[in-house]
Amino acid sequence: MSKIEDIVDALENKISKVLHKQEVLKQTNAKLSEQLEQQQQKLIEQQEELGSWAEKYDTLKIANSMLGSDENKRETKLKINALIRDIDHCIGQLSE
């Protein structure tokens, strides 16, 4: 009987170790999931900030072109023409 008890004790110890390891892995997984969410939120914020800076840069290029800078004049003219077309379209819809 002693041999069976030893086997059962060894099995209980192994099960206990496995359960402990499972708990540690659950905690690690929870921490990693939280870190992932934080990093994803940070990435979204950085992408929004990048979009904002890109928009500011485009506005600055247009403003510089309007102030007489030779750089980006073509882009500025195209942008102005697009805005005029949009305004004409809106006026056309309002007059209908």
C-alpha atoms as a PDB file:
ATOM      1  CA  MET A   1       0.000   0.000   0.000  1.00  0.00           C
ATOM      2  CA  SER A   2       2.874   2.333   0.684  1.00  0.00           C
ATOM      3  CA  LYS A   3       3.833   2.297  -2.965  1.00  0.00           C
ATOM      4  CA  ILE A   4       0.328   3.384  -4.029  1.00  0.00           C
ATOM      5  CA  GLU A   5       0.346   6.152  -1.435  1.00  0.00           C
ATOM      6  CA  ASP A   6       3.690   7.359  -2.734  1.00  0.00           C
ATOM      7  CA  ILE A   7       2.334   7.384  -6.280  1.00  0.00           C
ATOM      8  CA  VAL A   8      -0.784   9.272  -5.163  1.00  0.00           C
ATOM      9  CA  ASP A   9       1.337  11.790  -3.224  1.00  0.00           C
ATOM     10  CA  ALA A  10       3.599  12.302  -6.217  1.00  0.00           C
ATOM     11  CA  LEU A  11       0.563  12.746  -8.463  1.00  0.00           C
ATOM     12  CA  GLU A  12      -0.955  15.264  -6.047  1.00  0.00           C
ATOM     13  CA  ASN A  13       2.315  17.192  -5.992  1.00  0.00           C
ATOM     14  CA  LYS A  14       2.481  17.249  -9.766  1.00  0.00           C
ATOM     15  CA  ILE A  15      -1.155  18.372 -10.019  1.00  0.00           C
ATOM     16  CA  SER A  16      -0.493  21.079  -7.438  1.00  0.00           C
ATOM     17  CA  LYS A  17       2.533  22.299  -9.408  1.00  0.00           C
ATOM     18  CA  VAL A  18       0.558  22.297 -12.649  1.00  0.00           C
ATOM     19  CA  LEU A  19      -2.293  24.259 -11.046  1.00  0.00           C
ATOM     20  CA  HIS A  20       0.169  26.752  -9.600  1.00  0.00           C
ATOM     21  CA  LYS A  21       1.870  27.139 -12.959  1.00  0.00           C
ATOM     22  CA  GLN A  22      -1.535  27.611 -14.601  1.00  0.00           C
ATOM     23  CA  GLU A  23      -2.372  30.377 -12.119  1.00  0.00           C
ATOM     24  CA  VAL A  24       0.956  32.093 -12.757  1.00  0.00           C
ATOM     25  CA  LEU A  25       0.342  31.883 -16.507  1.00  0.00           C
ATOM     26  CA  LYS A  26      -3.163  33.340 -16.072  1.00  0.00           C
ATOM     27  CA  GLN A  27      -1.720  36.290 -14.161  1.00  0.00           C
ATOM     28  CA  THR A  28       0.994  36.785 -16.767  1.00  0.00           C
ATOM     29  CA  ASN A  29      -1.604  36.607 -19.523  1.00  0.00           C
ATOM     30  CA  ALA A  30      -3.762  39.200 -17.760  1.00  0.00           C
ATOM     31  CA  LYS A  31      -0.772  41.556 -17.399  1.00  0.00           C
ATOM     32  CA  LEU A  32       0.171  41.089 -21.042  1.00  0.00           C
ATOM     33  CA  SER A  33      -3.406  41.700 -22.160  1.00  0.00           C
ATOM     34  CA  GLU A  34      -3.483  44.922 -20.164  1.00  0.00           C
ATOM     35  CA  GLN A  35      -0.155  46.026 -21.628  1.00  0.00           C
ATOM     36  CA  LEU A  36      -1.418  45.231 -25.117  1.00  0.00           C
ATOM     37  CA  GLU A  37      -4.523  47.356 -24.583  1.00  0.00           C
ATOM     38  CA  GLN A  38      -2.386  50.230 -23.287  1.00  0.00           C
ATOM     39  CA  GLN A  39      -0.051  49.985 -26.270  1.00  0.00           C
ATOM     40  CA  GLN A  40      -2.963  49.845 -28.708  1.00  0.00           C
ATOM     41  CA  GLN A  41      -4.486  52.948 -27.102  1.00  0.00           C
ATOM     42  CA  LYS A  42      -1.121  54.690 -27.267  1.00  0.00           C
ATOM     43  CA  LEU A  43      -0.806  53.749 -30.943  1.00  0.00           C
ATOM     44  CA  ILE A  44      -4.269  55.153 -31.694  1.00  0.00           C
ATOM     45  CA  GLU A  45      -3.376  58.396 -29.923  1.00  0.00           C
ATOM     46  CA  GLN A  46      -0.103  58.648 -31.842  1.00  0.00           C
ATOM     47  CA  GLN A  47      -1.882  58.019 -35.157  1.00  0.00           C
ATOM     48  CA  GLU A  48      -4.390  60.755 -34.341  1.00  0.00           C
ATOM     49  CA  GLU A  49      -1.567  63.114 -33.415  1.00  0.00           C
ATOM     50  CA  LEU A  50       0.262  62.244 -36.631  1.00  0.00           C
ATOM     51  CA  GLY A  51      -2.885  63.000 -38.630  1.00  0.00           C
ATOM     52  CA  SER A  52      -3.239  66.304 -36.834  1.00  0.00           C
ATOM     53  CA  TRP A  53       0.369  67.241 -37.570  1.00  0.00           C
ATOM     54  CA  ALA A  54      -0.016  66.234 -41.220  1.00  0.00           C
ATOM     55  CA  GLU A  55      -3.075  68.464 -41.497  1.00  0.00           C
ATOM     56  CA  LYS A  56      -1.217  71.349 -39.852  1.00  0.00           C
ATOM     57  CA  TYR A  57       1.696  70.822 -42.236  1.00  0.00           C
ATOM     58  CA  ASP A  58      -0.607  70.929 -45.257  1.00  0.00           C
ATOM     59  CA  THR A  59      -2.222  74.108 -43.948  1.00  0.00           C
ATOM     60  CA  LEU A  60       1.190  75.668 -43.399  1.00  0.00           C
ATOM     61  CA  LYS A  61       2.269  74.776 -46.943  1.00  0.00           C
ATOM     62  CA  ILE A  62      -0.848  76.434 -48.334  1.00  0.00           C
ATOM     63  CA  ALA A  63      -0.351  79.507 -46.159  1.00  0.00           C
ATOM     64  CA  ASN A  64       3.275  79.812 -47.266  1.00  0.00           C
ATOM     65  CA  SER A  65       2.233  79.539 -50.902  1.00  0.00           C
ATOM     66  CA  MET A  66      -0.368  82.258 -50.438  1.00  0.00           C
ATOM     67  CA  LEU A  67       2.245  84.491 -48.853  1.00  0.00           C
ATOM     68  CA  GLY A  68       4.344  84.296 -51.986  1.00  0.00           C
ATOM     69  CA  SER A  69       6.460  81.214 -51.528  1.00  0.00           C
ATOM     70  CA  ASP A  70       7.163  79.491 -54.834  1.00  0.00           C
ATOM     71  CA  GLU A  71       7.121  76.066 -53.199  1.00  0.00           C
ATOM     72  CA  ASN A  72       3.846  74.137 -53.322  1.00  0.00           C
ATOM     73  CA  LYS A  73       2.100  76.768 -55.487  1.00  0.00           C
ATOM     74  CA  ARG A  74       0.662  74.094 -57.735  1.00  0.00           C
ATOM     75  CA  GLU A  75      -0.770  72.209 -54.768  1.00  0.00           C
ATOM     76  CA  THR A  76      -2.256  75.406 -53.397  1.00  0.00           C
ATOM     77  CA  LYS A  77      -3.868  76.282 -56.706  1.00  0.00           C
ATOM     78  CA  LEU A  78      -5.316  72.784 -56.985  1.00  0.00           C
ATOM     79  CA  LYS A  79      -6.660  73.015 -53.444  1.00  0.00           C
ATOM     80  CA  ILE A  80      -8.239  76.403 -54.096  1.00  0.00           C
ATOM     81  CA  ASN A  81      -9.789  75.121 -57.327  1.00  0.00           C
ATOM     82  CA  ALA A  82     -11.190  72.106 -55.488  1.00  0.00           C
ATOM     83  CA  LEU A  83     -12.677  74.372 -52.816  1.00  0.00           C
ATOM     84  CA  ILE A  84     -14.228  76.600 -55.496  1.00  0.00           C
ATOM     85  CA  ARG A  85     -15.752  73.528 -57.188  1.00  0.00           C
ATOM     86  CA  ASP A  86     -17.169  72.404 -53.839  1.00  0.00           C
ATOM     87  CA  ILE A  87     -18.644  75.844 -53.221  1.00  0.00           C
ATOM     88  CA  ASP A  88     -20.140  75.951 -56.731  1.00  0.00           C
ATOM     89  CA  HIS A  89     -21.640  72.512 -56.166  1.00  0.00           C
ATOM     90  CA  CYS A  90     -23.170  73.628 -52.854  1.00  0.00           C
ATOM     91  CA  ILE A  91     -24.572  76.779 -54.449  1.00  0.00           C
ATOM     92  CA  GLY A  92     -26.035  74.652 -57.231  1.00  0.00           C
ATOM     93  CA  GLN A  93     -27.736  72.368 -54.712  1.00  0.00           C
ATOM     94  CA  LEU A  94     -29.108  75.318 -52.742  1.00  0.00           C
ATOM     95  CA  SER A  95     -30.556  76.943 -55.854  1.00  0.00           C
ATOM     96  CA  GLU A  96     -32.472  73.801 -56.853  1.00  0.00           C
END
